[in-house]
């Protein structure tokens, strides 16, 4: 029987859900509208299988490393110098790009509710949420539980609102766009990225392999269900063409942001009372994901730059500056960078979360490592993940 309390396991599942279900949930309906619901959902299911498997690979690699090791620590123990450099570059690019996307989404989303300007909203958002990150995972755990509990209740209400307003003819109409398909694949991969918080969760769950793998699997199944419900609801409410339709978002290309789709939802629902919970659900989705990603980056920077050697004040000032202020400055200069940033996330995501775990597992095999999560050590799945990861990278480079 595990020594990890049920309370901690539930909290960890919520952290995984909060990390995966973020601003990306609002990008999925836009992308799937281009290719149709059946094809879009099939691609999303493949992405879920791939990312859940590679998350378990990282669990195994982290369990084989020293307790407290971040991605930098795992790279140092399991990869040659070129691999360590690749981890550093891809990890920093990935996390910074995600934070830029989410701060941009938060500014756009919250500005539809509190119209005081995206720059001010972004600053307030970073200050408030960043405070919890600095306090540590326990603070993030509890605020995350509160927000996710509220989100799940809102989702039930949102489903009650959206599903009766779904027009089935909206779900059957689509036009296939091969270019959007190329853009969509990396974004789908990004939508299931809980990998970043695994080192922190490993310590929080006392290095229990069974509990850690259970938390990752349950925590990733729930976002898959949430995405499917959300996509059906949004695609069924907003028409593909005509006035106040997806075609307006398509025309904006990379400048489309979270606030744009929320505005379309508001118009097509024809009811302010119906719109409020949808808006709040979207805002909380951005918030919970920001907490998980910024927590991962914050601890990575402390570990990678050995900031623990400094006194508490200097350590926190440097970590706060590197974690929050740099992406905030980028968003101030490019406030509607959301969709474009998500596209670049997919490239970094594939390198760090799919390709790198493959080579870590290969190193463990050479060392005759006894696997704690037995079924991840499977040749077919291991090489299939490598092929799919390379495919996503090629697609992203081709699209660029």
Protein backbone atom coordinates (compact mmCIF):
# COMPACT_ATOMS: atom_id res chain seq x y z
CA UNK A 1 0.00 0.00 0.00
CA UNK A 2 1.28 3.46 -0.89
CA UNK A 3 2.46 5.87 1.80
CA UNK A 4 1.31 8.81 -0.34
CA UNK A 5 -1.95 10.22 1.00
CA UNK A 6 -5.06 10.22 -1.18
CA UNK A 7 -5.18 13.96 -0.56
CA UNK A 8 -1.80 14.45 -2.26
CA UNK A 9 -2.73 12.14 -5.12
CA UNK A 10 -5.94 14.06 -5.83
CA UNK A 11 -4.09 17.37 -5.62
CA UNK A 12 -1.45 16.10 -8.05
CA UNK A 13 -4.11 14.93 -10.52
CA UNK A 14 -5.60 18.41 -10.37
CA UNK A 15 -2.18 19.95 -11.07
CA UNK A 16 -1.82 17.73 -14.17
CA UNK A 17 -5.30 18.67 -15.38
CA UNK A 18 -4.62 22.34 -14.72
CA UNK A 19 -1.35 22.22 -16.65
CA UNK A 20 -2.89 20.56 -19.71
CA UNK A 21 -6.22 22.38 -19.85
CA UNK A 22 -5.18 25.95 -20.52
CA UNK A 23 -5.56 28.61 -23.16
CA UNK A 24 -5.00 25.92 -25.79
CA UNK A 25 -8.54 24.68 -25.20
CA UNK A 26 -9.75 27.81 -27.01
CA UNK A 27 -7.46 27.21 -29.99
CA UNK A 28 -8.72 23.66 -30.62
CA UNK A 29 -12.21 24.55 -31.94
CA UNK A 30 -10.67 27.05 -34.38
CA UNK A 31 -8.33 24.41 -35.79
CA UNK A 32 -10.86 21.57 -35.86
CA UNK A 33 -13.39 23.83 -37.62
CA UNK A 34 -11.03 23.76 -40.61
CA UNK A 35 -10.94 19.97 -40.93
CA UNK A 36 -14.24 18.69 -39.53
CA UNK A 37 -15.12 17.09 -36.21
CA UNK A 38 -14.40 13.36 -37.01
CA UNK A 39 -10.91 13.91 -38.45
CA UNK A 40 -10.02 16.51 -35.82
CA UNK A 41 -11.04 14.20 -32.95
CA UNK A 42 -9.08 11.27 -34.43
CA UNK A 43 -5.91 13.36 -34.64
CA UNK A 44 -6.47 14.59 -31.10
CA UNK A 45 -6.80 11.00 -29.83
CA UNK A 46 -3.50 10.03 -31.48
CA UNK A 47 -1.84 13.08 -29.88
CA UNK A 48 -3.24 12.08 -26.48
CA UNK A 49 -1.88 8.50 -26.75
CA UNK A 50 1.54 9.78 -27.83
CA UNK A 51 1.88 12.40 -25.11
CA UNK A 52 0.58 10.17 -22.30
CA UNK A 53 3.11 7.49 -23.25
CA UNK A 54 6.03 9.93 -23.45
CA UNK A 55 4.98 11.45 -20.11
CA UNK A 56 5.39 7.99 -18.57
CA UNK A 57 8.82 7.73 -20.22
CA UNK A 58 9.83 10.93 -18.44
CA UNK A 59 8.42 9.54 -15.17
CA UNK A 60 10.73 6.52 -15.53
CA UNK A 61 13.73 8.70 -16.43
CA UNK A 62 13.10 11.01 -13.49
CA UNK A 63 12.66 8.11 -11.06
CA UNK A 64 16.05 6.81 -12.24
CA UNK A 65 17.65 10.20 -11.52
CA UNK A 66 18.39 11.88 -8.20
CA UNK A 67 15.36 13.09 -6.28
CA UNK A 68 14.76 16.76 -7.05
CA UNK A 69 16.32 16.57 -10.52
CA UNK A 70 14.69 18.88 -13.05
CA UNK A 71 15.02 18.32 -16.80
CA UNK A 72 18.51 19.80 -16.50
CA UNK A 73 19.38 17.28 -13.80
CA UNK A 74 18.03 14.34 -15.81
CA UNK A 75 19.99 15.49 -18.86
CA UNK A 76 23.19 15.67 -16.83
CA UNK A 77 22.76 12.11 -15.55
CA UNK A 78 21.35 10.43 -18.67
CA UNK A 79 22.57 12.30 -21.76
CA UNK A 80 25.89 13.25 -23.40
CA UNK A 81 26.92 16.95 -23.59
CA UNK A 82 25.09 17.58 -26.89
CA UNK A 83 21.91 16.13 -25.36
CA UNK A 84 22.24 18.33 -22.27
CA UNK A 85 22.59 21.40 -24.47
CA UNK A 86 19.52 20.33 -26.46
CA UNK A 87 17.49 19.96 -23.27
CA UNK A 88 18.53 23.38 -22.01
CA UNK A 89 17.67 25.16 -25.23
CA UNK A 90 14.42 23.33 -25.99
CA UNK A 91 13.18 23.47 -22.39
CA UNK A 92 13.73 27.20 -22.02
CA UNK A 93 12.26 27.95 -25.46
CA UNK A 94 9.25 25.73 -24.76
CA UNK A 95 8.39 27.15 -21.37
CA UNK A 96 8.98 30.75 -22.32
CA UNK A 97 6.89 30.35 -25.49
CA UNK A 98 4.05 28.73 -23.53
CA UNK A 99 4.12 31.49 -20.92
CA UNK A 100 4.09 34.14 -23.67
CA UNK A 101 1.05 32.41 -25.23
CA UNK A 102 -0.82 32.17 -21.93
CA UNK A 103 -0.08 35.72 -20.78
CA UNK A 104 -1.28 36.93 -24.19
CA UNK A 105 -4.43 34.78 -23.86
CA UNK A 106 -5.06 36.01 -20.31
CA UNK A 107 -4.76 39.65 -21.36
CA UNK A 108 -7.22 39.10 -24.22
CA UNK A 109 -9.68 36.94 -22.25
CA UNK A 110 -9.82 39.00 -19.05
CA UNK A 111 -9.97 42.23 -21.03
CA UNK A 112 -13.36 41.16 -22.44
CA UNK A 113 -14.67 41.07 -18.85
CA UNK A 114 -12.62 43.93 -17.37
CA UNK A 115 -11.91 46.35 -20.26
CA UNK A 116 -9.01 48.27 -18.72
CA UNK A 117 -6.46 47.38 -21.43
CA UNK A 118 -4.52 44.22 -22.24
CA UNK A 119 -1.21 45.57 -20.90
CA UNK A 120 -2.62 46.31 -17.44
CA UNK A 121 -4.54 43.02 -17.32
CA UNK A 122 -1.39 41.07 -18.25
CA UNK A 123 0.63 42.79 -15.52
CA UNK A 124 -1.99 42.15 -12.82
CA UNK A 125 -2.36 38.53 -13.97
CA UNK A 126 1.39 37.86 -13.70
CA UNK A 127 1.72 39.56 -10.29
CA UNK A 128 -1.21 37.70 -8.70
CA UNK A 129 -0.51 34.24 -10.13
CA UNK A 130 3.27 34.59 -9.86
CA UNK A 131 2.93 35.13 -6.09
CA UNK A 132 1.51 31.63 -5.64
CA UNK A 133 4.30 30.10 -7.73
CA UNK A 134 6.97 31.76 -5.57
CA UNK A 135 5.27 30.36 -2.45
CA UNK A 136 5.78 26.81 -3.81
CA UNK A 137 3.90 23.73 -4.98
CA UNK A 138 1.73 23.49 -1.85
CA UNK A 139 0.34 26.97 -2.51
CA UNK A 140 -0.14 26.15 -6.21
CA UNK A 141 -1.78 22.84 -5.23
CA UNK A 142 -4.42 24.47 -3.05
CA UNK A 143 -5.24 27.42 -5.29
CA UNK A 144 -5.30 24.99 -8.21
CA UNK A 145 -7.82 22.77 -6.41
CA UNK A 146 -10.05 25.75 -5.75
CA UNK A 147 -9.87 26.95 -9.36
CA UNK A 148 -10.23 23.47 -10.88
CA UNK A 149 -13.15 22.63 -8.60
CA UNK A 150 -14.80 25.81 -9.81
CA UNK A 151 -13.85 24.96 -13.40
CA UNK A 152 -15.45 21.50 -13.25
CA UNK A 153 -18.66 22.93 -11.82
CA UNK A 154 -18.63 25.60 -14.50
CA UNK A 155 -18.00 22.99 -17.19
CA UNK A 156 -21.14 21.12 -16.14
CA UNK A 157 -23.07 24.38 -16.35
CA UNK A 158 -21.41 25.30 -19.65
CA UNK A 159 -22.42 21.92 -21.09
CA UNK A 160 -25.99 22.51 -19.94
CA UNK A 161 -25.86 25.87 -21.73
CA UNK A 162 -23.99 24.88 -24.89
CA UNK A 163 -25.31 21.43 -25.74
CA UNK A 164 -29.01 22.47 -26.02
CA UNK A 165 -27.85 25.35 -28.24
CA UNK A 166 -25.81 23.07 -30.51
CA UNK A 167 -26.91 23.05 -34.13
CA UNK A 168 -26.10 19.61 -35.54
CA UNK A 169 -25.72 21.06 -39.04
CA UNK A 170 -22.79 23.16 -37.73
CA UNK A 171 -20.96 19.93 -36.78
CA UNK A 172 -21.30 18.39 -40.24
CA UNK A 173 -20.13 21.41 -42.24
CA UNK A 174 -16.40 21.94 -42.80
CA UNK A 175 -13.85 22.67 -45.48
CA UNK A 176 -10.57 20.80 -45.47
CA UNK A 177 -7.44 22.95 -45.39
CA UNK A 178 -4.17 20.98 -45.60
CA UNK A 179 -2.14 23.96 -44.34
CA UNK A 180 -4.27 24.17 -41.18
CA UNK A 181 -3.81 20.43 -40.72
CA UNK A 182 -0.06 21.04 -40.57
CA UNK A 183 -0.54 23.81 -38.00
CA UNK A 184 -2.99 21.70 -35.97
CA UNK A 185 -0.77 18.67 -35.34
CA UNK A 186 1.84 20.48 -33.20
CA UNK A 187 -0.92 22.32 -31.29
CA UNK A 188 -2.71 19.04 -30.51
CA UNK A 189 0.56 17.66 -29.16
CA UNK A 190 0.98 20.74 -26.99
CA UNK A 191 -2.56 20.35 -25.58
CA UNK A 192 -1.52 17.21 -23.66
CA UNK A 193 1.80 18.38 -22.21
CA UNK A 194 1.87 17.55 -18.50
CA UNK A 195 5.51 16.43 -18.77
CA UNK A 196 6.91 19.71 -17.46
CA UNK A 197 5.74 19.25 -13.89
CA UNK A 198 6.74 15.57 -13.52
CA UNK A 199 10.01 16.30 -11.64
CA UNK A 200 8.12 18.40 -9.09
CA UNK A 201 5.32 15.82 -8.77
CA UNK A 202 7.84 12.99 -8.34
CA UNK A 203 9.18 14.65 -5.18
CA UNK A 204 5.69 15.60 -3.95
CA UNK A 205 4.53 11.96 -4.39
CA UNK A 206 7.58 10.55 -2.58
CA UNK A 207 9.02 8.83 -5.69
CA UNK A 208 6.22 6.23 -5.74
CA UNK A 209 6.23 4.91 -9.34
CA UNK A 210 2.72 3.39 -9.22
CA UNK A 211 1.18 6.53 -7.78
CA UNK A 212 3.06 8.83 -10.18
CA UNK A 213 2.00 6.84 -13.28
CA UNK A 214 -1.60 6.64 -12.00
CA UNK A 215 -1.69 10.41 -11.46
CA UNK A 216 -0.37 11.06 -15.00
CA UNK A 217 -2.84 8.67 -16.68
CA UNK A 218 -5.94 9.87 -14.78
CA UNK A 219 -4.83 13.47 -15.04
CA UNK A 220 -4.53 13.21 -18.83
CA UNK A 221 -7.77 11.29 -19.49
CA UNK A 222 -9.88 14.03 -17.90
CA UNK A 223 -8.53 16.81 -20.21
CA UNK A 224 -9.26 14.57 -23.24
CA UNK A 225 -12.91 14.34 -22.15
CA UNK A 226 -13.07 18.07 -21.41
CA UNK A 227 -11.66 18.92 -24.84
CA UNK A 228 -14.21 16.74 -26.65
CA UNK A 229 -17.17 18.27 -24.80
CA UNK A 230 -15.85 21.80 -25.28
CA UNK A 231 -15.16 21.33 -29.01
CA UNK A 232 -18.63 19.89 -29.72
CA UNK A 233 -20.23 22.73 -27.77
CA UNK A 234 -18.28 25.53 -29.44
CA UNK A 235 -18.51 24.14 -32.99
CA UNK A 236 -22.20 23.53 -32.51
CA UNK A 237 -22.90 27.10 -31.37
CA UNK A 238 -20.69 29.18 -33.70
CA UNK A 239 -21.43 28.77 -37.45
CA UNK A 240 -18.56 28.08 -39.84
CA UNK A 241 -19.44 30.78 -42.36
CA UNK A 242 -21.58 33.91 -42.51
CA UNK A 243 -22.02 36.70 -40.01
CA UNK A 244 -20.43 36.20 -36.56
CA UNK A 245 -18.81 32.92 -37.66
CA UNK A 246 -15.47 31.10 -37.60
CA UNK A 247 -14.67 32.65 -40.97
CA UNK A 248 -14.07 35.95 -39.14
CA UNK A 249 -11.39 34.24 -37.02
CA UNK A 250 -9.87 32.58 -40.09
CA UNK A 251 -9.47 36.03 -41.67
CA UNK A 252 -7.38 37.18 -38.68
CA UNK A 253 -4.97 34.23 -39.11
CA UNK A 254 -2.25 34.47 -36.41
CA UNK A 255 -3.72 37.62 -34.85
CA UNK A 256 -6.82 35.78 -33.59
CA UNK A 257 -6.86 35.62 -29.79
CA UNK A 258 -8.94 34.21 -26.95
CA UNK A 259 -11.06 37.35 -26.65
CA UNK A 260 -12.15 36.99 -30.28
CA UNK A 261 -13.68 33.55 -29.85
CA UNK A 262 -15.28 34.60 -26.55
CA UNK A 263 -16.90 37.55 -28.34
CA UNK A 264 -18.31 35.19 -31.00
CA UNK A 265 -19.66 32.92 -28.26
CA UNK A 266 -21.33 35.88 -26.60
CA UNK A 267 -23.06 36.96 -29.83
CA UNK A 268 -24.20 33.48 -30.86
CA UNK A 269 -25.55 32.50 -27.44
CA UNK A 270 -27.82 35.58 -27.48
CA UNK A 271 -27.87 35.71 -23.68
CA UNK A 272 -25.54 37.52 -21.27
CA UNK A 273 -26.40 35.07 -18.45
CA UNK A 274 -25.36 32.13 -20.66
CA UNK A 275 -22.14 33.84 -21.70
CA UNK A 276 -20.84 34.64 -18.18
CA UNK A 277 -20.04 31.05 -17.10
CA UNK A 278 -18.46 30.35 -20.52
CA UNK A 279 -16.21 33.38 -20.08
CA UNK A 280 -15.32 32.45 -16.50
CA UNK A 281 -14.54 28.86 -17.55
CA UNK A 282 -12.16 30.17 -20.22
CA UNK A 283 -10.46 32.56 -17.81
CA UNK A 284 -9.88 29.83 -15.22
CA UNK A 285 -8.50 27.52 -17.93
CA UNK A 286 -5.83 30.09 -18.74
CA UNK A 287 -5.07 30.61 -15.05
CA UNK A 288 -4.60 26.97 -14.05
CA UNK A 289 -2.32 26.20 -16.98
CA UNK A 290 -0.20 29.28 -16.30
CA UNK A 291 0.33 28.10 -12.72
CA UNK A 292 1.62 24.66 -13.74
CA UNK A 293 3.94 25.89 -16.49
CA UNK A 294 5.41 28.81 -14.54
CA UNK A 295 5.98 26.50 -11.54
CA UNK A 296 8.00 24.15 -13.78
CA UNK A 297 10.06 27.01 -15.25
CA UNK A 298 10.64 28.63 -11.85
CA UNK A 299 12.15 25.45 -10.38
CA UNK A 300 14.10 24.65 -13.55
CA UNK A 301 15.82 28.05 -13.44
CA UNK A 302 16.66 27.68 -9.74
CA UNK A 303 18.16 24.24 -10.42
CA UNK A 304 19.87 25.02 -13.75
CA UNK A 305 21.52 28.27 -12.59
CA UNK A 306 22.16 26.96 -9.05
CA UNK A 307 20.32 29.88 -7.49
CA UNK A 308 20.04 27.99 -4.17
CA UNK A 309 23.62 29.07 -3.49
CA UNK A 310 22.40 32.67 -3.15
CA UNK A 311 20.59 34.09 -0.15
CA UNK A 312 16.78 33.86 -0.16
CA UNK A 313 16.14 37.42 -1.34
CA UNK A 314 18.61 37.35 -4.25
CA UNK A 315 17.45 33.87 -5.28
CA UNK A 316 13.79 34.92 -5.44
CA UNK A 317 14.48 38.22 -7.23
CA UNK A 318 16.53 36.53 -9.97
CA UNK A 319 14.08 33.63 -10.35
CA UNK A 320 11.09 36.01 -10.53
CA UNK A 321 12.79 38.21 -13.12
CA UNK A 322 13.80 35.29 -15.33
CA UNK A 323 10.47 33.45 -14.99
CA UNK A 324 7.87 36.21 -15.30
CA UNK A 325 9.26 39.53 -16.51
CA UNK A 326 10.89 38.34 -19.76
CA UNK A 327 7.69 36.79 -21.24
CA UNK A 328 5.65 39.74 -19.93
CA UNK A 329 7.82 42.21 -21.89
CA UNK A 330 7.31 40.18 -25.09
CA UNK A 331 3.53 40.23 -24.65
CA UNK A 332 3.57 43.97 -24.08
CA UNK A 333 5.20 44.46 -27.49
CA UNK A 334 3.14 41.73 -29.23
CA UNK A 335 -0.19 41.49 -27.37
CA UNK A 336 -1.90 39.16 -29.90
CA UNK A 337 0.91 36.64 -30.25
CA UNK A 338 -1.22 33.77 -28.85
CA UNK A 339 -1.86 31.58 -31.95
CA UNK A 340 1.61 32.19 -33.39
CA UNK A 341 3.26 31.28 -30.08
CA UNK A 342 1.28 28.04 -29.82
CA UNK A 343 2.57 27.01 -33.24
CA UNK A 344 6.21 27.36 -32.15
CA UNK A 345 5.44 25.53 -28.89
CA UNK A 346 4.74 22.36 -30.90
CA UNK A 347 8.28 22.27 -32.31
CA UNK A 348 9.98 22.66 -28.92
CA UNK A 349 7.45 20.26 -27.41
CA UNK A 350 8.34 17.51 -29.87
CA UNK A 351 12.08 17.84 -29.26
CA UNK A 352 11.93 18.02 -25.46
CA UNK A 353 8.93 15.84 -24.61
CA UNK A 354 9.07 13.16 -27.34
CA UNK A 355 12.59 12.89 -28.81
CA UNK A 356 14.63 13.51 -25.62
CA UNK A 357 12.74 10.88 -23.51
CA UNK A 358 13.50 8.28 -26.20
CA UNK A 359 17.26 8.79 -25.78
CA UNK A 360 16.97 8.86 -21.97
CA UNK A 361 15.27 5.45 -22.01
CA UNK A 362 17.90 4.10 -24.42
CA UNK A 363 20.61 5.19 -21.94
CA UNK A 364 18.78 3.41 -19.09
CA UNK A 365 18.61 0.24 -21.19
CA UNK A 366 22.37 0.32 -21.80
CA UNK A 367 22.86 0.54 -18.03
CA UNK A 368 20.60 -2.50 -17.50
CA UNK A 369 18.17 -0.36 -15.53
CA UNK A 370 15.29 -2.22 -13.85
CA UNK A 371 12.18 -0.37 -15.01
CA UNK A 372 9.68 0.63 -12.33
CA UNK A 373 6.93 1.37 -14.88
CA UNK A 374 7.32 -1.95 -16.68
CA UNK A 375 5.21 -1.52 -19.81
CA UNK A 376 6.93 1.68 -21.01
CA UNK A 377 9.96 -0.46 -21.91
CA UNK A 378 8.39 -1.66 -25.16
CA UNK A 379 10.31 -1.47 -28.45
CA UNK A 380 7.27 -0.97 -30.66
CA UNK A 381 5.80 1.93 -28.68
CA UNK A 382 9.22 3.44 -28.02
CA UNK A 383 10.20 3.65 -31.70
CA UNK A 384 6.68 4.61 -32.77
CA UNK A 385 6.87 7.62 -30.41
CA UNK A 386 10.21 8.59 -31.98
CA UNK A 387 8.76 8.39 -35.51
CA UNK A 388 5.70 10.45 -34.58
CA UNK A 389 7.86 13.02 -32.80
CA UNK A 390 10.08 13.41 -35.87
CA UNK A 391 6.94 13.70 -38.03
CA UNK A 392 5.62 16.59 -35.93
CA UNK A 393 9.00 18.36 -36.18
CA UNK A 394 9.14 17.92 -39.97
CA UNK A 395 5.57 19.19 -40.31
CA UNK A 396 6.32 22.25 -38.19
CA UNK A 397 9.51 23.07 -40.11
CA UNK A 398 7.68 22.60 -43.40
CA UNK A 399 4.93 24.96 -42.24
CA UNK A 400 7.51 27.59 -41.25
